[in-house]
Amino acid sequence: MMHTTEMESGDLTRRQWLKHAGAFGAALGTGSLAALAPLTAQAQSGYRALVCVFLYGGNDGANMVVPTDSTRHGEYASIRQRLALPVNRLVSLGGVPFGLHPAMASLQGAWNSGDLAPVFNVGPLARPLTKAQYRSLPSSSPDVPDNLFSHSDQQNLWESASASVLTRTGWGGRASAALGTALPVVSVGGNGRFGLSAVDVPLVLPGPGGTFGLQGMDSTWAPHVARRNAVQALHAAGHANTLLNQYTGQQRAAFDMATQLGALVRIRPGDDSALAAIDAAFAPIATGNRINTPIGRQLYQVAKLVHGNATLGGNRQIFFASQGGYDTHGDQVASNPWEGQHARLLQTLADAMACFYNAMQAIGMGNAVTLFTQSDFGRTFRPNNSLGTDHAWGNHQLVLGGAVQGGQTYGTYPALQLGGPDDVGERSWELHGRWIPTTSVDQYAATLLRWMGASEGQLDAVLPNLSNFGGARNVGFL
């Protein structure tokens, strides 16, 4: 399914736990709960977590990170025209010849602290691919990613770290299984492919204040208690039918999960003094006990879960969040290029990321949590006739956290030439600036997972195309 719109954290009706008893267990997958860790008094030592933020629709990375040196900014401005951002409006990334979109000013502090890094021209690849190779290969070649420039297919390739849309599992799910995390991938941003493994689906949670458990049976009101006890008694009974026993076992595990996480999931800003530091970090995007944006609510929920990692169990966690709306074919900018649809999206994203970063610092988990972006694809460097951009390929991403080797950029910034060595186009009608990636999703993911503790053998198992990149297995930002 193509994702193009933001998800309201409080509007997850189809994924809320146990609207019907069967849905509750099914949402957890076959093997998700067999190894639930018992509650512990404190988090296990050496805790690390990854937080994927997927930007659905295809973020225009060319306007998220912009060159500031006179030569490249001149090339940028001559092609981007009315979409071009002036140098004096960019958020300064001191020490490197690039700046962030003006709407992302809230990330300035993270850059100044050396905890933010752009990664250039990343995308799905089966192996390194030059322009000559790309143009000589048929579209059916396994060396050319399937269905380039298609939303749903490229979302799948990014989430699966594959060049084939037939890959069912996601690299987050496979990594979770390989690392033996106590829980599968924990998603606050929907049930995407990223968290799928061979045996598990993501654990999809509602937003702050949401019910995670037996809806209509989660209070102390006597009829609710009686109904809950009856349902639990049914699922506690043994059966001669093996399949039925498996089903009831999943239901019992689901009840245990709801008991374990329900109270933590429900907490909103101001509900628990133990979370005062997190609440203070998110205060810039909150009104009362409500976070004002969907991506903000998702990252607030993740911040709570990191803080309560003893409740989740284990010392490795992978989280998934998402923001939609990036399919900016028209009206990407307003009267000024630093205003408009894309600016609003980036400001919402950056503000939520900055609040999350500050929360991790405030609770002493800054070095233990790394947030990174993904997106369908980049967008055409050359604007269309509607003050927008169209579907492309390679894209720029951001990595944020105390473990990030920030203050510098990673990967190779493309040559800003229509029809040049990085543009897939050659004939006049093809010259739109669709960059062939120079860093693969596999290399990007491997760098993140190596920091999580994955061995080289585990990386090869989780990322089957990684071996095609020889010794270039570490992008270096962690």
Protein backbone atom coordinates (compact mmCIF):
# COMPACT_ATOMS: atom_id res chain seq x y z
CA MET A 1 0.00 0.00 0.00
CA MET A 2 1.28 3.47 -0.88
CA HIS A 3 1.65 5.78 2.10
CA THR A 4 1.18 9.45 1.32
CA THR A 5 -0.63 11.03 4.26
CA GLU A 6 0.22 11.73 7.86
CA MET A 7 -1.20 9.38 10.45
CA GLU A 8 -3.01 10.86 13.40
CA SER A 9 -1.76 9.03 16.48
CA GLY A 10 -5.21 9.12 18.04
CA ASP A 11 -6.90 7.77 14.90
CA LEU A 12 -5.68 4.18 14.76
CA THR A 13 -9.01 2.43 15.06
CA ARG A 14 -8.23 -0.46 12.76
CA ARG A 15 -5.02 -1.20 14.67
CA GLN A 16 -6.20 -0.66 18.23
CA TRP A 17 -5.77 -3.70 20.36
CA LEU A 18 -8.67 -6.09 20.68
CA LYS A 19 -11.58 -4.30 19.23
CA HIS A 20 -12.38 -7.91 18.59
CA ALA A 21 -10.48 -10.62 20.44
CA GLY A 22 -9.08 -12.21 17.28
CA ALA A 23 -7.67 -8.96 15.95
CA PHE A 24 -5.63 -8.45 19.10
CA GLY A 25 -3.65 -11.66 18.75
CA ALA A 26 -3.36 -11.45 14.99
CA ALA A 27 -1.81 -8.01 15.13
CA LEU A 28 1.05 -9.41 17.16
CA GLY A 29 2.07 -12.09 14.69
CA THR A 30 2.87 -15.73 15.26
CA GLY A 31 6.10 -15.48 17.22
CA SER A 32 6.10 -11.97 18.64
CA LEU A 33 5.40 -12.74 22.27
CA ALA A 34 6.97 -16.08 22.99
CA ALA A 35 10.08 -14.49 24.46
CA LEU A 36 8.57 -11.62 26.45
CA ALA A 37 11.13 -10.42 28.95
CA PRO A 38 9.94 -10.10 32.54
CA LEU A 39 9.76 -6.65 34.04
CA THR A 40 12.99 -5.53 35.62
CA ALA A 41 13.76 -2.78 38.08
CA GLN A 42 16.08 -0.99 35.70
CA ALA A 43 17.18 -1.04 32.09
CA GLN A 44 19.80 -3.56 31.13
CA SER A 45 23.24 -2.09 30.60
CA GLY A 46 24.45 -1.26 27.11
CA TYR A 47 20.99 -0.27 25.85
CA ARG A 48 20.82 0.96 22.26
CA ALA A 49 17.89 1.87 20.05
CA LEU A 50 17.34 2.86 16.44
CA VAL A 51 14.45 5.11 15.45
CA CYS A 52 13.49 5.08 11.76
CA VAL A 53 11.44 8.07 10.58
CA PHE A 54 10.01 7.34 7.14
CA LEU A 55 8.99 10.38 5.08
CA TYR A 56 6.22 9.03 2.87
CA GLY A 57 5.68 10.58 -0.53
CA GLY A 58 9.30 11.27 -1.41
CA ASN A 59 11.03 14.14 0.38
CA ASP A 60 12.80 16.76 -1.76
CA GLY A 61 16.23 16.20 -0.23
CA ALA A 62 17.78 18.67 -2.68
CA ASN A 63 16.05 21.48 -0.80
CA MET A 64 16.57 19.90 2.61
CA VAL A 65 20.38 20.04 2.33
CA VAL A 66 21.70 22.73 -0.02
CA PRO A 67 25.29 23.56 -1.10
CA THR A 68 26.55 26.95 0.02
CA ASP A 69 29.83 27.29 -1.92
CA SER A 70 29.48 29.75 -4.77
CA THR A 71 30.10 27.29 -7.62
CA ARG A 72 27.64 24.61 -6.59
CA HIS A 73 25.05 27.04 -5.24
CA GLY A 74 25.19 28.83 -8.57
CA GLU A 75 24.51 25.54 -10.38
CA TYR A 76 21.75 24.75 -7.90
CA ALA A 77 20.06 28.13 -8.31
CA SER A 78 20.26 28.12 -12.12
CA ILE A 79 18.41 24.78 -12.33
CA ARG A 80 16.08 25.04 -9.33
CA GLN A 81 15.02 28.56 -10.35
CA ARG A 82 11.96 29.61 -8.26
CA LEU A 83 12.49 26.68 -5.89
CA ALA A 84 16.07 27.75 -5.07
CA LEU A 85 16.82 28.78 -1.50
CA PRO A 86 19.20 31.75 -1.09
CA VAL A 87 22.38 31.12 0.89
CA ASN A 88 21.58 33.78 3.46
CA ARG A 89 18.36 31.98 4.40
CA LEU A 90 19.92 28.56 5.00
CA VAL A 91 20.57 27.11 8.45
CA SER A 92 24.34 27.24 8.74
CA LEU A 93 26.17 23.93 9.03
CA GLY A 94 29.44 25.43 10.20
CA GLY A 95 32.51 23.65 8.90
CA VAL A 96 30.94 22.19 5.76
CA PRO A 97 29.79 23.92 2.53
CA PHE A 98 26.12 23.04 3.03
CA GLY A 99 23.11 24.40 4.86
CA LEU A 100 19.71 23.10 5.92
CA HIS A 101 16.35 24.37 4.72
CA PRO A 102 15.42 27.48 6.75
CA ALA A 103 12.43 25.64 8.20
CA MET A 104 14.78 23.24 10.00
CA ALA A 105 16.38 25.85 12.26
CA SER A 106 15.45 23.84 15.37
CA LEU A 107 18.19 21.33 14.44
CA GLN A 108 20.93 23.96 14.61
CA GLY A 109 21.76 23.02 18.20
CA ALA A 110 22.21 19.34 17.37
CA TRP A 111 24.58 20.27 14.54
CA ASN A 112 26.56 22.58 16.78
CA SER A 113 26.88 19.74 19.32
CA GLY A 114 28.25 17.40 16.62
CA ASP A 115 25.21 15.11 16.79
CA LEU A 116 23.69 15.58 13.31
CA ALA A 117 24.95 14.36 9.93
CA PRO A 118 23.55 14.52 6.38
CA VAL A 119 24.13 11.42 4.24
CA PHE A 120 24.11 12.18 0.51
CA ASN A 121 22.54 10.42 -2.45
CA VAL A 122 21.28 7.21 -0.83
CA GLY A 123 18.91 4.82 -2.58
CA PRO A 124 18.05 1.22 -3.46
CA LEU A 125 20.84 -0.57 -5.34
CA ALA A 126 21.65 -4.23 -5.93
CA ARG A 127 25.31 -3.31 -6.49
CA PRO A 128 27.30 -0.18 -7.45
CA LEU A 129 25.86 1.20 -10.68
CA THR A 130 27.31 3.76 -13.07
CA LYS A 131 25.27 5.74 -15.56
CA ALA A 132 26.73 3.75 -18.47
CA GLN A 133 25.82 0.48 -16.78
CA TYR A 134 22.33 1.71 -15.94
CA ARG A 135 21.62 2.77 -19.50
CA SER A 136 22.98 -0.44 -20.98
CA LEU A 137 20.88 -2.75 -18.78
CA PRO A 138 17.28 -3.73 -19.48
CA SER A 139 14.78 -2.61 -16.84
CA SER A 140 14.24 -6.31 -16.04
CA SER A 141 17.88 -6.78 -15.00
CA PRO A 142 18.30 -7.78 -11.35
CA ASP A 143 20.95 -5.06 -11.15
CA VAL A 144 18.28 -2.38 -11.72
CA PRO A 145 15.87 -1.90 -8.79
CA ASP A 146 12.30 -2.83 -9.62
CA ASN A 147 9.81 -0.20 -10.77
CA LEU A 148 11.92 2.89 -10.21
CA PHE A 149 10.05 6.14 -9.49
CA SER A 150 6.93 4.29 -8.21
CA HIS A 151 5.80 5.29 -4.69
CA SER A 152 4.67 1.94 -3.36
CA ASP A 153 7.52 -0.03 -4.94
CA GLN A 154 10.26 2.32 -3.81
CA GLN A 155 8.80 2.48 -0.31
CA ASN A 156 9.05 -1.31 -0.26
CA LEU A 157 12.63 -1.29 -1.55
CA TRP A 158 13.74 1.25 1.06
CA GLU A 159 11.97 -0.61 3.87
CA SER A 160 13.22 -4.02 2.75
CA ALA A 161 16.77 -2.97 1.71
CA SER A 162 16.28 -4.86 -1.51
CA ALA A 163 16.25 -4.25 -5.25
CA SER A 164 13.24 -6.56 -5.67
CA VAL A 165 9.65 -5.76 -4.76
CA LEU A 166 9.17 -9.49 -4.13
CA THR A 167 11.13 -9.24 -0.86
CA ARG A 168 8.43 -9.66 1.78
CA THR A 169 10.37 -8.81 4.92
CA GLY A 170 11.83 -5.49 6.07
CA TRP A 171 15.40 -4.85 7.08
CA GLY A 172 14.25 -3.64 10.48
CA GLY A 173 12.32 -6.85 11.08
CA ARG A 174 15.17 -9.05 9.91
CA ALA A 175 17.60 -7.11 12.11
CA SER A 176 15.31 -7.46 15.11
CA ALA A 177 15.24 -11.22 14.61
CA ALA A 178 19.02 -11.44 14.10
CA LEU A 179 19.78 -9.33 17.18
CA GLY A 180 17.24 -11.22 19.30
CA THR A 181 15.40 -8.12 20.51
CA ALA A 182 12.91 -8.86 23.28
CA LEU A 183 10.16 -7.30 21.18
CA PRO A 184 9.76 -7.11 17.42
CA VAL A 185 10.05 -3.71 15.76
CA VAL A 186 7.86 -1.31 17.74
CA SER A 187 5.91 0.93 15.38
CA VAL A 188 4.15 4.14 16.28
CA GLY A 189 3.77 5.00 12.58
CA GLY A 190 1.70 2.21 11.06
CA ASN A 191 2.16 -1.36 9.93
CA GLY A 192 4.74 -0.96 7.16
CA ARG A 193 7.06 -3.50 5.62
CA PHE A 194 10.10 -2.20 7.54
CA GLY A 195 9.23 -4.19 10.68
CA LEU A 196 8.28 -7.51 9.06
CA SER A 197 10.45 -10.56 9.71
CA ALA A 198 9.96 -14.18 8.69
CA VAL A 199 7.87 -14.83 11.81
CA ASP A 200 6.92 -11.44 13.27
CA VAL A 201 4.92 -8.37 12.38
CA PRO A 202 5.62 -4.98 13.97
CA LEU A 203 4.13 -4.27 17.37
CA VAL A 204 1.90 -1.33 16.38
CA LEU A 205 1.08 1.05 19.21
CA PRO A 206 -1.45 3.90 19.38
CA GLY A 207 -0.45 7.42 20.32
CA PRO A 208 -0.28 8.98 23.78
CA GLY A 209 -3.59 8.57 25.59
CA GLY A 210 -4.61 5.66 23.37
CA THR A 211 -5.91 2.35 24.64
CA PHE A 212 -3.57 -0.60 24.24
CA GLY A 213 -5.47 -3.62 25.47
CA LEU A 214 -8.98 -4.91 25.85
CA GLN A 215 -11.19 -2.09 24.66
CA GLY A 216 -14.36 -1.95 26.70
CA MET A 217 -12.86 -4.30 29.29
CA ASP A 218 -10.00 -2.23 30.64
CA SER A 219 -11.62 -0.60 33.66
CA THR A 220 -12.44 -1.72 37.20
CA TRP A 221 -16.19 -1.49 36.56
CA ALA A 222 -17.67 -4.83 37.63
CA PRO A 223 -19.23 -5.77 34.24
CA HIS A 224 -15.91 -5.04 32.52
CA VAL A 225 -14.05 -7.15 35.05
CA ALA A 226 -16.50 -10.02 34.59
CA ARG A 227 -16.21 -9.90 30.80
CA ARG A 228 -12.42 -9.75 30.98
CA ASN A 229 -12.25 -12.70 33.36
CA ALA A 230 -14.56 -14.73 31.11
CA VAL A 231 -12.47 -14.03 27.99
CA GLN A 232 -9.25 -14.87 29.81
CA ALA A 233 -10.74 -18.09 31.16
CA LEU A 234 -11.70 -19.13 27.64
CA HIS A 235 -8.19 -18.57 26.40
CA ALA A 236 -6.65 -20.31 29.39
CA ALA A 237 -8.47 -23.57 28.63
CA GLY A 238 -6.63 -26.38 26.87
CA HIS A 239 -7.90 -27.85 23.61
CA ALA A 240 -7.33 -31.04 21.68
CA ASN A 241 -7.00 -29.04 18.47
CA THR A 242 -3.37 -27.94 17.98
CA LEU A 243 -4.25 -24.89 15.90
CA LEU A 244 -6.76 -23.72 18.51
CA ASN A 245 -4.15 -24.14 21.23
CA GLN A 246 -1.75 -21.97 19.24
CA TYR A 247 -4.41 -19.31 18.81
CA THR A 248 -5.35 -19.22 22.49
CA GLY A 249 -1.68 -19.10 23.39
CA GLN A 250 -1.30 -15.99 21.24
CA GLN A 251 -4.29 -14.45 22.94
CA ARG A 252 -2.85 -15.08 26.40
CA ALA A 253 0.43 -13.55 25.32
CA ALA A 254 -1.45 -10.54 23.93
CA PHE A 255 -3.17 -10.03 27.28
CA ASP A 256 0.21 -10.18 28.99
CA MET A 257 1.57 -7.61 26.54
CA ALA A 258 -1.34 -5.27 27.18
CA THR A 259 -0.76 -5.58 30.92
CA GLN A 260 2.93 -4.89 30.44
CA LEU A 261 2.68 -1.86 28.15
CA GLY A 262 -0.85 -0.48 28.42
CA ALA A 263 -0.23 1.99 31.22
CA LEU A 264 2.98 3.31 29.63
CA VAL A 265 1.35 3.75 26.22
CA ARG A 266 -1.56 5.69 27.72
CA ILE A 267 0.54 8.40 29.41
CA ARG A 268 0.18 11.91 27.98
CA PRO A 269 2.29 15.00 28.75
CA GLY A 270 1.74 15.99 32.36
CA ASP A 271 0.31 12.64 33.44
CA ASP A 272 3.45 11.30 35.15
CA SER A 273 6.01 13.37 37.03
CA ALA A 274 8.66 10.74 36.29
CA LEU A 275 8.50 11.91 32.66
CA ALA A 276 8.85 15.60 33.47
CA ALA A 277 12.14 15.92 31.56
CA ILE A 278 10.57 14.44 28.41
CA ASP A 279 7.49 16.63 28.80
CA ALA A 280 9.71 19.71 29.09
CA ALA A 281 11.65 18.75 25.96
CA PHE A 282 8.41 18.42 23.96
CA ALA A 283 6.81 21.55 25.43
CA PRO A 284 7.62 23.68 22.33
CA ILE A 285 5.24 21.55 20.25
CA ALA A 286 2.62 20.82 22.92
CA THR A 287 -0.54 22.47 24.11
CA GLY A 288 -1.60 21.25 27.52
CA ASN A 289 -1.42 17.47 27.52
CA ARG A 290 -1.46 17.11 23.74
CA ILE A 291 1.46 17.12 21.32
CA ASN A 292 0.37 19.25 18.37
CA THR A 293 1.65 17.23 15.39
CA PRO A 294 1.34 13.57 14.38
CA ILE A 295 5.11 13.07 14.03
CA GLY A 296 5.58 14.86 17.35
CA ARG A 297 3.15 12.50 19.06
CA GLN A 298 4.91 9.52 17.57
CA LEU A 299 8.34 10.62 18.74
CA TYR A 300 6.96 11.53 22.17
CA GLN A 301 5.66 7.97 22.40
CA VAL A 302 9.07 6.60 21.41
CA ALA A 303 10.76 8.83 24.00
CA LYS A 304 8.49 7.35 26.70
CA LEU A 305 9.27 3.84 25.56
CA VAL A 306 13.01 4.50 25.65
CA HIS A 307 12.63 5.94 29.15
CA GLY A 308 10.65 2.84 30.13
CA ASN A 309 12.99 0.37 28.43
CA ALA A 310 12.97 -1.84 31.53
CA THR A 311 9.27 -2.37 30.90
CA LEU A 312 9.86 -3.26 27.26
CA GLY A 313 12.67 -5.64 28.17
CA GLY A 314 16.02 -6.26 26.51
CA ASN A 315 18.84 -3.87 25.69
CA ARG A 316 18.16 -3.48 21.94
CA GLN A 317 15.07 -1.90 20.40
CA ILE A 318 14.11 -0.79 16.89
CA PHE A 319 11.33 1.78 16.48
CA PHE A 320 9.44 2.99 13.42
CA ALA A 321 7.72 6.35 12.96
CA SER A 322 6.40 8.07 9.85
CA GLN A 323 5.33 11.37 8.38
CA GLY A 324 3.40 11.71 5.14
CA GLY A 325 2.62 14.46 2.66
CA TYR A 326 5.92 14.68 0.76
CA ASP A 327 4.55 14.04 -2.74
CA THR A 328 5.02 17.68 -3.72
CA HIS A 329 4.22 17.72 -7.44
CA GLY A 330 2.76 21.21 -7.21
CA ASP A 331 2.91 24.31 -5.06
CA GLN A 332 5.96 23.05 -3.21
CA VAL A 333 6.83 26.65 -2.41
CA ALA A 334 4.78 29.76 -1.76
CA SER A 335 5.63 33.34 -2.71
CA ASN A 336 9.12 32.72 -1.30
CA PRO A 337 11.01 29.43 -1.68
CA TRP A 338 11.47 29.18 2.10
CA GLU A 339 7.69 29.11 2.58
CA GLY A 340 4.98 26.73 1.43
CA GLN A 341 4.05 23.07 1.62
CA HIS A 342 7.55 21.64 1.79
CA ALA A 343 8.68 24.17 4.37
CA ARG A 344 5.72 23.31 6.62
CA LEU A 345 6.55 19.61 6.40
CA LEU A 346 10.23 20.14 7.16
CA GLN A 347 9.52 22.45 10.07
CA THR A 348 7.12 19.93 11.60
CA LEU A 349 9.70 17.19 11.12
CA ALA A 350 12.67 19.18 12.43
CA ASP A 351 10.79 20.48 15.47
CA ALA A 352 9.74 16.95 16.43
CA MET A 353 13.27 15.61 15.86
CA ALA A 354 14.78 18.42 17.95
CA CYS A 355 12.33 17.78 20.80
CA PHE A 356 13.14 14.08 20.70
CA TYR A 357 16.88 14.77 20.64
CA ASN A 358 16.57 17.12 23.62
CA ALA A 359 14.48 14.54 25.48
CA MET A 360 17.12 11.86 24.98
CA GLN A 361 19.80 14.22 26.24
CA ALA A 362 17.67 15.15 29.25
CA ILE A 363 17.15 11.55 30.36
CA GLY A 364 20.78 10.53 29.80
CA MET A 365 20.06 8.39 26.74
CA GLY A 366 21.52 10.72 24.11
CA ASN A 367 24.38 8.39 23.18
CA ALA A 368 22.15 5.32 23.26
CA VAL A 369 19.53 6.32 20.66
CA THR A 370 20.06 7.10 16.97
CA LEU A 371 17.30 8.53 14.78
CA PHE A 372 17.54 8.34 10.99
CA THR A 373 15.33 9.25 8.06
CA GLN A 374 14.24 7.26 5.02
CA SER A 375 11.92 8.25 2.17
CA ASP A 376 10.44 6.80 -1.04
CA PHE A 377 12.99 8.50 -3.27
CA GLY A 378 14.46 11.89 -4.02
CA ARG A 379 12.70 14.29 -6.33
CA THR A 380 13.71 15.70 -9.68
CA PHE A 381 16.36 18.37 -9.37
CA ARG A 382 14.72 20.26 -12.20
CA PRO A 383 11.32 21.65 -11.12
CA ASN A 384 8.17 20.94 -13.09
CA ASN A 385 5.81 23.60 -14.42
CA SER A 386 3.66 23.59 -11.28
CA LEU A 387 6.27 24.88 -8.84
CA GLY A 388 6.80 21.30 -7.72
CA THR A 389 9.07 18.33 -8.31
CA ASP A 390 8.51 14.82 -9.61
CA HIS A 391 9.66 11.31 -8.67
CA ALA A 392 13.37 10.56 -8.82
CA TRP A 393 15.82 8.11 -7.18
CA GLY A 394 18.83 8.97 -4.97
CA ASN A 395 18.08 11.17 -1.97
CA HIS A 396 19.72 12.83 1.03
CA GLN A 397 18.98 11.64 4.60
CA LEU A 398 19.64 12.88 8.13
CA VAL A 399 21.05 10.92 11.08
CA LEU A 400 20.68 12.35 14.60
CA GLY A 401 21.96 11.32 18.03
CA GLY A 402 24.80 11.52 20.49
CA ALA A 403 26.63 8.58 18.87
CA VAL A 404 26.62 10.27 15.45
CA GLN A 405 29.98 11.47 14.15
CA GLY A 406 28.45 14.82 13.31
CA GLY A 407 29.81 18.11 12.16
CA GLN A 408 30.51 16.62 8.73
CA THR A 409 28.70 15.10 5.77
CA TYR A 410 28.79 11.55 4.42
CA GLY A 411 28.41 9.98 1.03
CA THR A 412 28.96 11.70 -2.32
CA TYR A 413 27.00 14.80 -3.27
CA PRO A 414 25.88 14.51 -6.91
CA ALA A 415 27.19 16.61 -9.76
CA LEU A 416 24.49 19.25 -10.32
CA GLN A 417 24.36 18.79 -14.08
CA LEU A 418 21.29 17.76 -16.01
CA GLY A 419 22.44 14.84 -18.14
CA GLY A 420 25.68 14.68 -16.17
CA PRO A 421 27.36 11.58 -14.71
CA ASP A 422 24.83 11.19 -11.88
CA ASP A 423 21.65 11.90 -13.86
CA VAL A 424 19.87 8.86 -15.36
CA GLY A 425 18.83 11.03 -18.32
CA GLU A 426 20.69 11.53 -21.56
CA ARG A 427 18.23 12.66 -24.24
CA SER A 428 16.73 16.15 -23.96
CA TRP A 429 13.34 14.97 -22.73
CA GLU A 430 15.02 12.92 -19.95
CA LEU A 431 17.02 15.73 -18.37
CA HIS A 432 15.31 16.18 -15.01
CA GLY A 433 18.06 15.40 -12.51
CA ARG A 434 17.17 11.94 -11.24
CA TRP A 435 20.36 11.00 -9.43
CA ILE A 436 21.71 7.45 -9.51
CA PRO A 437 22.50 6.64 -5.86
CA THR A 438 26.15 6.48 -4.84
CA THR A 439 25.36 4.99 -1.41
CA SER A 440 23.01 2.03 -1.16
CA VAL A 441 20.26 1.47 1.40
CA ASP A 442 22.26 -1.64 2.38
CA GLN A 443 25.36 0.41 3.24
CA TYR A 444 23.26 2.96 5.12
CA ALA A 445 21.47 0.22 7.09
CA ALA A 446 24.69 -1.69 7.75
CA THR A 447 26.26 1.38 9.36
CA LEU A 448 23.28 1.71 11.68
CA LEU A 449 23.11 -1.99 12.54
CA ARG A 450 26.84 -2.34 13.14
CA TRP A 451 26.46 0.33 15.83
CA MET A 452 23.62 -1.77 17.27
CA GLY A 453 26.08 -4.66 17.66
CA ALA A 454 25.39 -6.72 14.54
CA SER A 455 28.34 -8.86 13.46
CA GLU A 456 29.56 -8.87 9.86
CA GLY A 457 27.92 -12.27 9.39
CA GLN A 458 24.61 -10.95 10.72
CA LEU A 459 24.86 -7.94 8.41
CA ASP A 460 25.30 -10.22 5.40
CA ALA A 461 22.27 -12.27 6.49
CA VAL A 462 20.07 -9.21 7.11
CA LEU A 463 21.31 -7.29 4.02
CA PRO A 464 21.91 -9.85 1.24
CA ASN A 465 23.16 -7.24 -1.29
CA LEU A 466 25.75 -5.79 1.08
CA SER A 467 28.46 -8.17 -0.10
CA ASN A 468 28.14 -6.67 -3.61
CA PHE A 469 29.72 -3.46 -2.31
CA GLY A 470 33.05 -5.05 -1.39
CA GLY A 471 34.86 -3.33 1.45
CA ALA A 472 32.57 -0.27 1.35
CA ARG A 473 30.35 -1.58 4.11
CA ASN A 474 30.50 1.33 6.54
CA VAL A 475 29.43 4.86 5.59
CA GLY A 476 31.14 6.10 8.76
CA PHE A 477 28.56 8.34 10.41
CA LEU A 478 28.46 6.24 13.60
